[in-house]
Every structure is written in structure tokens, then in C-alpha cells.
Amino acid sequence: MDRPAIVVFGAAVQADGRPSPSLRRRIGYGAEAAAVWPDAPILCSGGVGAAGPSEASVIREGLLSHGIAAERLVLDEESLDTLQSAVATVRFVRRRGLDGAVICSDRYHVPRIRMLLEVLGVRGRAGPTAPGFQGTRPYYVAKMYLREALAIPYDLAIVLVRRAELLALTR
């Protein structure tokens, strides 16, 4: 992937507007990817959840605090779930004529994102990740792995049934 997009996938924002531990990790992964691919544009993806500002705007602020140039950052504040973020990623990659996407998310989340991107015709690769889940309780991590195990076949079925419609959204 010579000309990728870096995509930071959203996670919960706390009621006071601060990133959750998951979102903090993903921002850190995005900052690491930005150093590896210094010319890559960065898509910050995630709408407004249960509380606070949009996930994308919190990602943007976090990346700015890591010294990432504002000109590299593009916000997707419409996506409310992983599938919508994947469609937004495909649209972003295609419209900019890029080679694929570097996925910045937690390790348990990356396989589903890669699958969605691939089915929609965009190569995805895992971005930097760290061992462990700093700041996250083991119960929550186990719950997320279980959620992904259920979400992969569910999202795959949706994408296969709605593929033409979803691809039309990416043009």
C-alpha cells in the first residue's frame, strides 16, 4: 500500500467529552500510523453516541494533541457503527484515489473491519496496536471479543445482501 488512508475508528466518548480508554488507545494507534505514513490523510470516523461530542471530533482533538497537522484530518461524523464507518472509509479511499486503508482500532475489532472493507473492494491492513488493553477491565475485553464473534457473520450477511446499495454509496 503506497498511498493509504489512515482510518481511526471511533469508540465511546465519556459524558464529559473525554475519550474512553478504547478511544484513547485508537487515537494513539492513529498517531503511530501517522508517523509511519507521514503523507497519508487521516479519516476520523464516528458520530455522536450516548453522550458528548462526536467520536470523530474527539479523535481529531486527540490527534492534534499528538502534533498531527490539521490539514491531514478529515471528519466522518455521520457514521454510527462499524458498518457505516467501513462504507465511509471505502468512499474516502475511492474519492481520493488511494490504495487502501490502514485500520486503527483495537485488535478484536480489526478482523471485522478488514472483512467489510475487502467485501466492498478496498484493501485494509491493521495499523499499529499495543499488547494488552490498557485501562480496560478484562470483563469488557471478553465482552468485546464475544460481540465481534457475533458481529462478523451478522455484518457479512448485511454486506452481501446490500452490497450493490452500499457500493453505490461509495461513489
N, C-alpha and C. Protein backbone atom coordinates (compact mmCIF):
# COMPACT_ATOMS: atom_id res chain seq x y z
N MET A 1 0.85 -1.17 0.00
CA MET A 1 0.00 0.00 0.00
C MET A 1 0.89 1.24 0.00
N ASP A 2 1.08 1.82 -1.16
CA ASP A 2 1.94 3.00 -1.25
C ASP A 2 1.24 4.28 -0.80
N ARG A 3 -0.06 4.39 -1.10
CA ARG A 3 -0.81 5.60 -0.78
C ARG A 3 -2.09 5.24 -0.02
N PRO A 4 -1.96 4.91 1.26
CA PRO A 4 -3.15 4.53 2.02
C PRO A 4 -3.81 5.72 2.69
N ALA A 5 -5.03 5.50 3.11
CA ALA A 5 -5.68 6.38 4.07
C ALA A 5 -5.46 5.75 5.43
N ILE A 6 -5.31 6.56 6.43
CA ILE A 6 -5.30 6.08 7.81
C ILE A 6 -6.70 6.33 8.33
N VAL A 7 -7.31 5.32 8.92
CA VAL A 7 -8.68 5.48 9.43
C VAL A 7 -8.70 5.11 10.91
N VAL A 8 -9.10 6.07 11.73
CA VAL A 8 -9.24 5.83 13.16
C VAL A 8 -10.72 5.61 13.42
N PHE A 9 -11.05 4.39 13.83
CA PHE A 9 -12.44 4.03 14.09
C PHE A 9 -12.83 4.47 15.50
N GLY A 10 -14.03 5.02 15.60
CA GLY A 10 -14.50 5.57 16.85
C GLY A 10 -14.80 4.54 17.91
N ALA A 11 -14.96 5.04 19.11
CA ALA A 11 -15.38 4.28 20.29
C ALA A 11 -16.05 5.29 21.21
N ALA A 12 -16.52 4.84 22.33
CA ALA A 12 -17.32 5.70 23.21
C ALA A 12 -16.57 6.96 23.65
N VAL A 13 -17.37 8.02 23.79
CA VAL A 13 -16.92 9.28 24.38
C VAL A 13 -17.61 9.38 25.74
N GLN A 14 -16.86 9.75 26.76
CA GLN A 14 -17.44 9.89 28.09
C GLN A 14 -18.35 11.11 28.15
N ALA A 15 -19.23 11.14 29.13
CA ALA A 15 -20.21 12.22 29.26
C ALA A 15 -19.56 13.59 29.32
N ASP A 16 -18.34 13.67 29.86
CA ASP A 16 -17.66 14.96 29.96
C ASP A 16 -16.87 15.31 28.70
N GLY A 17 -17.01 14.48 27.64
CA GLY A 17 -16.34 14.77 26.38
C GLY A 17 -14.97 14.16 26.22
N ARG A 18 -14.47 13.51 27.26
CA ARG A 18 -13.15 12.87 27.15
C ARG A 18 -13.30 11.51 26.47
N PRO A 19 -12.22 11.05 25.81
CA PRO A 19 -12.29 9.72 25.18
C PRO A 19 -12.29 8.62 26.23
N SER A 20 -13.03 7.56 25.93
CA SER A 20 -12.99 6.35 26.76
C SER A 20 -11.61 5.71 26.61
N PRO A 21 -11.26 4.75 27.46
CA PRO A 21 -9.97 4.06 27.29
C PRO A 21 -9.80 3.48 25.88
N SER A 22 -10.87 2.90 25.32
CA SER A 22 -10.79 2.34 23.96
C SER A 22 -10.48 3.44 22.94
N LEU A 23 -11.15 4.56 23.05
CA LEU A 23 -10.93 5.64 22.09
C LEU A 23 -9.54 6.24 22.28
N ARG A 24 -9.06 6.34 23.50
CA ARG A 24 -7.70 6.84 23.75
C ARG A 24 -6.67 5.94 23.06
N ARG A 25 -6.87 4.61 23.19
CA ARG A 25 -5.94 3.68 22.52
C ARG A 25 -5.97 3.90 21.01
N ARG A 26 -7.16 4.00 20.45
CA ARG A 26 -7.28 4.14 19.00
C ARG A 26 -6.66 5.45 18.51
N ILE A 27 -6.80 6.50 19.27
CA ILE A 27 -6.13 7.77 18.93
C ILE A 27 -4.62 7.56 18.93
N GLY A 28 -4.12 6.85 19.93
CA GLY A 28 -2.68 6.56 19.98
C GLY A 28 -2.22 5.74 18.78
N TYR A 29 -3.04 4.75 18.39
CA TYR A 29 -2.70 3.96 17.20
C TYR A 29 -2.68 4.84 15.96
N GLY A 30 -3.64 5.76 15.88
CA GLY A 30 -3.68 6.68 14.75
C GLY A 30 -2.45 7.57 14.69
N ALA A 31 -2.00 8.04 15.85
CA ALA A 31 -0.79 8.87 15.90
C ALA A 31 0.43 8.08 15.46
N GLU A 32 0.51 6.81 15.88
CA GLU A 32 1.63 5.96 15.44
C GLU A 32 1.59 5.74 13.93
N ALA A 33 0.40 5.47 13.40
CA ALA A 33 0.27 5.26 11.95
C ALA A 33 0.63 6.53 11.19
N ALA A 34 0.26 7.68 11.73
CA ALA A 34 0.57 8.95 11.07
C ALA A 34 2.08 9.15 10.95
N ALA A 35 2.84 8.64 11.92
CA ALA A 35 4.30 8.75 11.84
C ALA A 35 4.87 7.80 10.79
N VAL A 36 4.26 6.62 10.64
CA VAL A 36 4.73 5.63 9.65
C VAL A 36 4.38 6.08 8.24
N TRP A 37 3.21 6.68 8.06
CA TRP A 37 2.74 7.15 6.75
C TRP A 37 2.53 8.67 6.84
N PRO A 38 3.61 9.44 6.80
CA PRO A 38 3.52 10.89 7.06
C PRO A 38 2.74 11.68 6.01
N ASP A 39 2.50 11.12 4.85
CA ASP A 39 1.75 11.84 3.82
C ASP A 39 0.31 11.37 3.70
N ALA A 40 -0.07 10.38 4.49
CA ALA A 40 -1.42 9.81 4.38
C ALA A 40 -2.46 10.70 5.04
N PRO A 41 -3.59 10.90 4.35
CA PRO A 41 -4.70 11.60 5.01
C PRO A 41 -5.30 10.69 6.08
N ILE A 42 -5.92 11.29 7.07
CA ILE A 42 -6.46 10.54 8.19
C ILE A 42 -7.96 10.80 8.31
N LEU A 43 -8.73 9.73 8.23
CA LEU A 43 -10.17 9.82 8.41
C LEU A 43 -10.48 9.49 9.86
N CYS A 44 -11.11 10.42 10.55
CA CYS A 44 -11.55 10.24 11.94
C CYS A 44 -13.03 9.90 11.86
N SER A 45 -13.40 8.68 12.24
CA SER A 45 -14.75 8.21 11.99
C SER A 45 -15.53 7.92 13.26
N GLY A 46 -16.71 8.51 13.36
CA GLY A 46 -17.61 8.22 14.47
C GLY A 46 -18.51 9.39 14.78
N GLY A 47 -19.79 9.12 14.83
CA GLY A 47 -20.78 10.15 15.10
C GLY A 47 -20.96 10.39 16.59
N VAL A 48 -22.05 11.04 16.92
CA VAL A 48 -22.38 11.33 18.31
C VAL A 48 -23.03 10.10 18.91
N GLY A 49 -22.49 9.65 20.02
CA GLY A 49 -23.03 8.48 20.70
C GLY A 49 -23.97 8.88 21.81
N ALA A 50 -23.92 8.16 22.90
CA ALA A 50 -24.83 8.38 24.03
C ALA A 50 -24.58 9.72 24.71
N ALA A 51 -23.36 10.21 24.64
CA ALA A 51 -23.04 11.45 25.35
C ALA A 51 -21.91 12.18 24.65
N GLY A 52 -21.84 13.47 24.93
CA GLY A 52 -20.71 14.27 24.49
C GLY A 52 -20.68 14.58 23.02
N PRO A 53 -19.53 15.08 22.57
CA PRO A 53 -19.36 15.43 21.16
C PRO A 53 -19.18 14.18 20.30
N SER A 54 -19.05 14.36 19.00
CA SER A 54 -18.87 13.21 18.10
C SER A 54 -17.54 12.53 18.40
N GLU A 55 -17.52 11.23 18.15
CA GLU A 55 -16.29 10.47 18.30
C GLU A 55 -15.22 11.03 17.37
N ALA A 56 -15.61 11.38 16.15
CA ALA A 56 -14.65 11.91 15.17
C ALA A 56 -13.99 13.20 15.67
N SER A 57 -14.77 14.08 16.30
CA SER A 57 -14.18 15.34 16.79
C SER A 57 -13.24 15.10 17.96
N VAL A 58 -13.55 14.10 18.79
CA VAL A 58 -12.65 13.76 19.90
C VAL A 58 -11.37 13.14 19.36
N ILE A 59 -11.50 12.31 18.33
CA ILE A 59 -10.31 11.74 17.68
C ILE A 59 -9.46 12.86 17.11
N ARG A 60 -10.10 13.80 16.43
CA ARG A 60 -9.37 14.94 15.84
C ARG A 60 -8.58 15.68 16.90
N GLU A 61 -9.22 16.02 18.00
CA GLU A 61 -8.54 16.75 19.08
C GLU A 61 -7.38 15.94 19.64
N GLY A 62 -7.59 14.63 19.80
CA GLY A 62 -6.52 13.78 20.30
C GLY A 62 -5.33 13.73 19.35
N LEU A 63 -5.60 13.63 18.06
CA LEU A 63 -4.50 13.59 17.08
C LEU A 63 -3.78 14.94 17.02
N LEU A 64 -4.53 16.02 17.11
CA LEU A 64 -3.90 17.34 17.14
C LEU A 64 -2.97 17.46 18.34
N SER A 65 -3.38 16.91 19.48
CA SER A 65 -2.53 16.98 20.68
C SER A 65 -1.27 16.13 20.54
N HIS A 66 -1.28 15.18 19.59
CA HIS A 66 -0.09 14.38 19.29
C HIS A 66 0.78 15.08 18.23
N GLY A 67 0.39 16.26 17.81
CA GLY A 67 1.19 17.00 16.84
C GLY A 67 0.87 16.70 15.39
N ILE A 68 -0.24 16.03 15.12
CA ILE A 68 -0.64 15.74 13.74
C ILE A 68 -1.22 17.01 13.12
N ALA A 69 -0.82 17.31 11.91
CA ALA A 69 -1.28 18.52 11.23
C ALA A 69 -2.78 18.45 10.93
N ALA A 70 -3.47 19.53 11.21
CA ALA A 70 -4.92 19.61 11.00
C ALA A 70 -5.30 19.35 9.55
N GLU A 71 -4.44 19.71 8.61
CA GLU A 71 -4.74 19.53 7.19
C GLU A 71 -4.88 18.06 6.81
N ARG A 72 -4.31 17.18 7.58
CA ARG A 72 -4.38 15.74 7.29
C ARG A 72 -5.69 15.13 7.77
N LEU A 73 -6.42 15.82 8.62
CA LEU A 73 -7.56 15.23 9.31
C LEU A 73 -8.88 15.55 8.63
N VAL A 74 -9.65 14.50 8.39
CA VAL A 74 -10.99 14.63 7.80
C VAL A 74 -11.96 13.94 8.74
N LEU A 75 -13.07 14.58 9.02
CA LEU A 75 -14.04 14.03 9.97
C LEU A 75 -15.21 13.36 9.26
N ASP A 76 -15.54 12.17 9.72
CA ASP A 76 -16.77 11.47 9.35
C ASP A 76 -17.60 11.43 10.63
N GLU A 77 -18.50 12.38 10.78
CA GLU A 77 -19.32 12.46 11.98
C GLU A 77 -20.70 11.84 11.79
N GLU A 78 -20.92 11.21 10.64
CA GLU A 78 -22.21 10.61 10.34
C GLU A 78 -22.30 9.15 10.75
N SER A 79 -21.19 8.44 10.72
CA SER A 79 -21.20 7.00 10.97
C SER A 79 -21.48 6.69 12.43
N LEU A 80 -22.45 5.81 12.63
CA LEU A 80 -22.87 5.45 13.98
C LEU A 80 -22.51 4.02 14.37
N ASP A 81 -21.92 3.27 13.43
CA ASP A 81 -21.49 1.91 13.75
C ASP A 81 -20.36 1.51 12.82
N THR A 82 -19.84 0.32 13.03
CA THR A 82 -18.69 -0.13 12.26
C THR A 82 -19.00 -0.24 10.77
N LEU A 83 -20.16 -0.76 10.42
CA LEU A 83 -20.52 -0.89 9.01
C LEU A 83 -20.57 0.48 8.33
N GLN A 84 -21.20 1.44 8.96
CA GLN A 84 -21.26 2.79 8.39
C GLN A 84 -19.87 3.40 8.27
N SER A 85 -19.01 3.17 9.25
CA SER A 85 -17.64 3.66 9.17
C SER A 85 -16.87 2.98 8.04
N ALA A 86 -17.12 1.70 7.82
CA ALA A 86 -16.46 0.99 6.72
C ALA A 86 -16.91 1.55 5.38
N VAL A 87 -18.19 1.82 5.23
CA VAL A 87 -18.69 2.42 3.98
C VAL A 87 -18.07 3.80 3.79
N ALA A 88 -17.99 4.59 4.84
CA ALA A 88 -17.37 5.92 4.76
C ALA A 88 -15.90 5.80 4.38
N THR A 89 -15.23 4.77 4.89
CA THR A 89 -13.83 4.54 4.55
C THR A 89 -13.68 4.22 3.07
N VAL A 90 -14.51 3.33 2.56
CA VAL A 90 -14.45 2.97 1.14
C VAL A 90 -14.67 4.22 0.27
N ARG A 91 -15.66 5.01 0.63
CA ARG A 91 -15.95 6.25 -0.11
C ARG A 91 -14.73 7.18 -0.08
N PHE A 92 -14.13 7.35 1.08
CA PHE A 92 -12.97 8.23 1.26
C PHE A 92 -11.79 7.75 0.40
N VAL A 93 -11.50 6.45 0.47
CA VAL A 93 -10.39 5.88 -0.29
C VAL A 93 -10.62 6.05 -1.79
N ARG A 94 -11.82 5.74 -2.24
CA ARG A 94 -12.11 5.82 -3.69
C ARG A 94 -12.08 7.25 -4.20
N ARG A 95 -12.70 8.15 -3.47
CA ARG A 95 -12.77 9.54 -3.94
C ARG A 95 -11.41 10.21 -3.98
N ARG A 96 -10.50 9.75 -3.15
CA ARG A 96 -9.16 10.32 -3.13
C ARG A 96 -8.16 9.53 -3.96
N GLY A 97 -8.62 8.44 -4.57
CA GLY A 97 -7.73 7.62 -5.41
C GLY A 97 -6.60 6.98 -4.62
N LEU A 98 -6.89 6.54 -3.40
CA LEU A 98 -5.87 5.94 -2.54
C LEU A 98 -5.83 4.43 -2.74
N ASP A 99 -4.79 3.80 -2.20
CA ASP A 99 -4.55 2.37 -2.40
C ASP A 99 -5.28 1.46 -1.43
N GLY A 100 -5.71 1.96 -0.32
CA GLY A 100 -6.36 1.14 0.69
C GLY A 100 -6.41 1.89 2.00
N ALA A 101 -6.66 1.15 3.07
CA ALA A 101 -6.83 1.78 4.38
C ALA A 101 -5.99 1.09 5.44
N VAL A 102 -5.35 1.89 6.27
CA VAL A 102 -4.68 1.42 7.46
C VAL A 102 -5.68 1.57 8.59
N ILE A 103 -6.04 0.47 9.22
CA ILE A 103 -7.11 0.44 10.22
C ILE A 103 -6.53 0.66 11.61
N CYS A 104 -7.02 1.70 12.27
CA CYS A 104 -6.59 1.99 13.64
C CYS A 104 -7.77 1.73 14.56
N SER A 105 -7.71 0.59 15.19
CA SER A 105 -8.76 0.17 16.12
C SER A 105 -8.17 -0.89 17.03
N ASP A 106 -8.96 -1.37 17.97
CA ASP A 106 -8.49 -2.43 18.85
C ASP A 106 -8.37 -3.74 18.09
N ARG A 107 -7.45 -4.59 18.55
CA ARG A 107 -7.17 -5.86 17.85
C ARG A 107 -8.42 -6.70 17.66
N TYR A 108 -9.32 -6.72 18.61
CA TYR A 108 -10.53 -7.54 18.48
C TYR A 108 -11.45 -7.02 17.38
N HIS A 109 -11.33 -5.77 17.01
CA HIS A 109 -12.22 -5.11 16.06
C HIS A 109 -11.69 -5.17 14.62
N VAL A 110 -10.38 -5.27 14.47
CA VAL A 110 -9.74 -5.19 13.15
C VAL A 110 -10.22 -6.27 12.17
N PRO A 111 -10.36 -7.54 12.56
CA PRO A 111 -10.79 -8.54 11.57
C PRO A 111 -12.14 -8.21 10.93
N ARG A 112 -13.09 -7.72 11.70
CA ARG A 112 -14.39 -7.38 11.12
C ARG A 112 -14.26 -6.20 10.17
N ILE A 113 -13.50 -5.21 10.54
CA ILE A 113 -13.31 -4.05 9.67
C ILE A 113 -12.65 -4.48 8.37
N ARG A 114 -11.60 -5.28 8.45
CA ARG A 114 -10.91 -5.76 7.24
C ARG A 114 -11.87 -6.52 6.33
N MET A 115 -12.70 -7.38 6.93
CA MET A 115 -13.66 -8.15 6.15
C MET A 115 -14.61 -7.21 5.41
N LEU A 116 -15.16 -6.23 6.11
CA LEU A 116 -16.11 -5.30 5.49
C LEU A 116 -15.45 -4.54 4.35
N LEU A 117 -14.26 -4.03 4.58
CA LEU A 117 -13.56 -3.28 3.53
C LEU A 117 -13.30 -4.16 2.32
N GLU A 118 -12.82 -5.38 2.56
CA GLU A 118 -12.50 -6.29 1.45
C GLU A 118 -13.73 -6.64 0.63
N VAL A 119 -14.85 -6.92 1.30
CA VAL A 119 -16.08 -7.24 0.58
C VAL A 119 -16.54 -6.05 -0.26
N LEU A 120 -16.23 -4.85 0.21
CA LEU A 120 -16.61 -3.63 -0.53
C LEU A 120 -15.51 -3.17 -1.49
N GLY A 121 -14.46 -3.98 -1.63
CA GLY A 121 -13.46 -3.74 -2.66
C GLY A 121 -12.28 -2.87 -2.30
N VAL A 122 -12.01 -2.69 -1.02
CA VAL A 122 -10.86 -1.88 -0.59
C VAL A 122 -9.98 -2.73 0.32
N ARG A 123 -8.69 -2.71 0.02
CA ARG A 123 -7.74 -3.44 0.86
C ARG A 123 -7.59 -2.73 2.20
N GLY A 124 -7.63 -3.51 3.25
CA GLY A 124 -7.41 -2.97 4.59
C GLY A 124 -6.28 -3.71 5.25
N ARG A 125 -5.52 -2.99 6.04
CA ARG A 125 -4.47 -3.64 6.81
C ARG A 125 -4.50 -3.07 8.21
N ALA A 126 -4.11 -3.89 9.16
CA ALA A 126 -4.08 -3.46 10.55
C ALA A 126 -3.00 -2.41 10.74
N GLY A 127 -3.36 -1.37 11.43
CA GLY A 127 -2.37 -0.36 11.82
C GLY A 127 -1.68 -0.80 13.09
N PRO A 128 -0.90 0.10 13.67
CA PRO A 128 -0.21 -0.23 14.92
C PRO A 128 -1.20 -0.57 16.03
N THR A 129 -0.87 -1.53 16.83
CA THR A 129 -1.64 -1.85 18.04
C THR A 129 -0.64 -2.13 19.15
N ALA A 130 -1.14 -2.12 20.37
CA ALA A 130 -0.29 -2.40 21.52
C ALA A 130 -0.76 -3.71 22.15
N PRO A 131 0.16 -4.42 22.79
CA PRO A 131 -0.28 -5.61 23.51
C PRO A 131 -1.14 -5.19 24.70
N GLY A 132 -2.12 -5.98 25.00
CA GLY A 132 -2.97 -5.69 26.15
C GLY A 132 -4.02 -4.63 25.83
N PHE A 133 -4.75 -4.27 26.85
CA PHE A 133 -5.84 -3.31 26.71
C PHE A 133 -5.77 -2.34 27.88
N GLN A 134 -4.77 -1.48 27.85
CA GLN A 134 -4.54 -0.55 28.93
C GLN A 134 -5.81 0.22 29.29
N GLY A 135 -6.12 0.23 30.58
CA GLY A 135 -7.25 1.00 31.06
C GLY A 135 -8.61 0.33 30.89
N THR A 136 -8.63 -0.92 30.43
CA THR A 136 -9.90 -1.60 30.18
C THR A 136 -9.99 -2.86 31.04
N ARG A 137 -11.13 -3.07 31.66
CA ARG A 137 -11.33 -4.25 32.50
C ARG A 137 -11.38 -5.52 31.66
N PRO A 138 -10.82 -6.62 32.17
CA PRO A 138 -10.83 -7.89 31.43
C PRO A 138 -12.24 -8.32 31.02
N TYR A 139 -13.24 -8.08 31.87
CA TYR A 139 -14.62 -8.43 31.53
C TYR A 139 -15.05 -7.73 30.25
N TYR A 140 -14.71 -6.45 30.13
CA TYR A 140 -15.10 -5.68 28.95
C TYR A 140 -14.41 -6.23 27.70
N VAL A 141 -13.14 -6.58 27.81
CA VAL A 141 -12.41 -7.12 26.67
C VAL A 141 -13.05 -8.44 26.22
N ALA A 142 -13.37 -9.31 27.17
CA ALA A 142 -14.03 -10.57 26.83
C ALA A 142 -15.37 -10.31 26.15
N LYS A 143 -16.11 -9.36 26.66
CA LYS A 143 -17.39 -8.99 26.06
C LYS A 143 -17.21 -8.50 24.62
N MET A 144 -16.16 -7.75 24.37
CA MET A 144 -15.92 -7.22 23.01
C MET A 144 -15.54 -8.35 22.05
N TYR A 145 -14.74 -9.31 22.51
CA TYR A 145 -14.41 -10.44 21.64
C TYR A 145 -15.67 -11.24 21.32
N LEU A 146 -16.53 -11.44 22.28
CA LEU A 146 -17.78 -12.15 22.04
C LEU A 146 -18.66 -11.37 21.07
N ARG A 147 -18.75 -10.06 21.27
CA ARG A 147 -19.54 -9.23 20.36
C ARG A 147 -19.03 -9.35 18.93
N GLU A 148 -17.72 -9.32 18.76
CA GLU A 148 -17.14 -9.43 17.42
C GLU A 148 -17.44 -10.80 16.80
N ALA A 149 -17.39 -11.84 17.61
CA ALA A 149 -17.69 -13.19 17.09
C ALA A 149 -19.11 -13.26 16.54
N LEU A 150 -20.02 -12.53 17.14
CA LEU A 150 -21.40 -12.48 16.65
C LEU A 150 -21.56 -11.48 15.51
N ALA A 151 -20.84 -10.38 15.59
CA ALA A 151 -21.00 -9.30 14.61
C ALA A 151 -20.41 -9.64 13.24
N ILE A 152 -19.37 -10.45 13.20
CA ILE A 152 -18.75 -10.77 11.91
C ILE A 152 -19.75 -11.45 10.97
N PRO A 153 -20.40 -12.56 11.35
CA PRO A 153 -21.35 -13.15 10.41
C PRO A 153 -22.57 -12.25 10.16
N TYR A 154 -22.99 -11.51 11.16
CA TYR A 154 -24.13 -10.60 11.00
C TYR A 154 -23.82 -9.52 9.96
N ASP A 155 -22.68 -8.83 10.15
CA ASP A 155 -22.31 -7.77 9.20
C ASP A 155 -22.01 -8.33 7.81
N LEU A 156 -21.40 -9.52 7.75
CA LEU A 156 -21.13 -10.13 6.45
C LEU A 156 -22.44 -10.38 5.71
N ALA A 157 -23.43 -10.89 6.40
CA ALA A 157 -24.72 -11.13 5.76
C ALA A 157 -25.33 -9.82 5.25
N ILE A 158 -25.28 -8.79 6.05
CA ILE A 158 -25.81 -7.48 5.64
C ILE A 158 -25.09 -6.98 4.40
N VAL A 159 -23.77 -7.04 4.42
CA VAL A 159 -22.99 -6.52 3.29
C VAL A 159 -23.25 -7.33 2.02
N LEU A 160 -23.35 -8.63 2.14
CA LEU A 160 -23.59 -9.45 0.95
C LEU A 160 -24.98 -9.19 0.38
N VAL A 161 -25.98 -9.03 1.23
CA VAL A 161 -27.34 -8.77 0.76
C VAL A 161 -27.47 -7.36 0.18
N ARG A 162 -26.81 -6.40 0.82
CA ARG A 162 -26.95 -4.98 0.42
C ARG A 162 -25.74 -4.46 -0.34
N ARG A 163 -24.89 -5.33 -0.85
CA ARG A 163 -23.63 -4.92 -1.45
C ARG A 163 -23.80 -3.87 -2.53
N ALA A 164 -24.69 -4.06 -3.46
CA ALA A 164 -24.88 -3.09 -4.56
C ALA A 164 -25.29 -1.73 -4.00
N GLU A 165 -26.22 -1.74 -3.06
CA GLU A 165 -26.66 -0.48 -2.44
C GLU A 165 -25.52 0.21 -1.70
N LEU A 166 -24.74 -0.55 -0.93
CA LEU A 166 -23.63 0.03 -0.18
C LEU A 166 -22.53 0.54 -1.10
N LEU A 167 -22.27 -0.20 -2.17
CA LEU A 167 -21.26 0.26 -3.13
C LEU A 167 -21.70 1.55 -3.81
N ALA A 168 -22.99 1.70 -4.07
CA ALA A 168 -23.50 2.94 -4.67
C ALA A 168 -23.24 4.13 -3.75
N LEU A 169 -23.24 3.91 -2.46
CA LEU A 169 -22.97 4.98 -1.50
C LEU A 169 -21.51 5.41 -1.50
N THR A 170 -20.64 4.58 -2.05
CA THR A 170 -19.19 4.88 -2.00
C THR A 170 -18.71 5.63 -3.24
N ARG A 171 -19.59 5.88 -4.19
CA ARG A 171 -19.15 6.56 -5.42
C ARG A 171 -19.21 8.05 -5.27
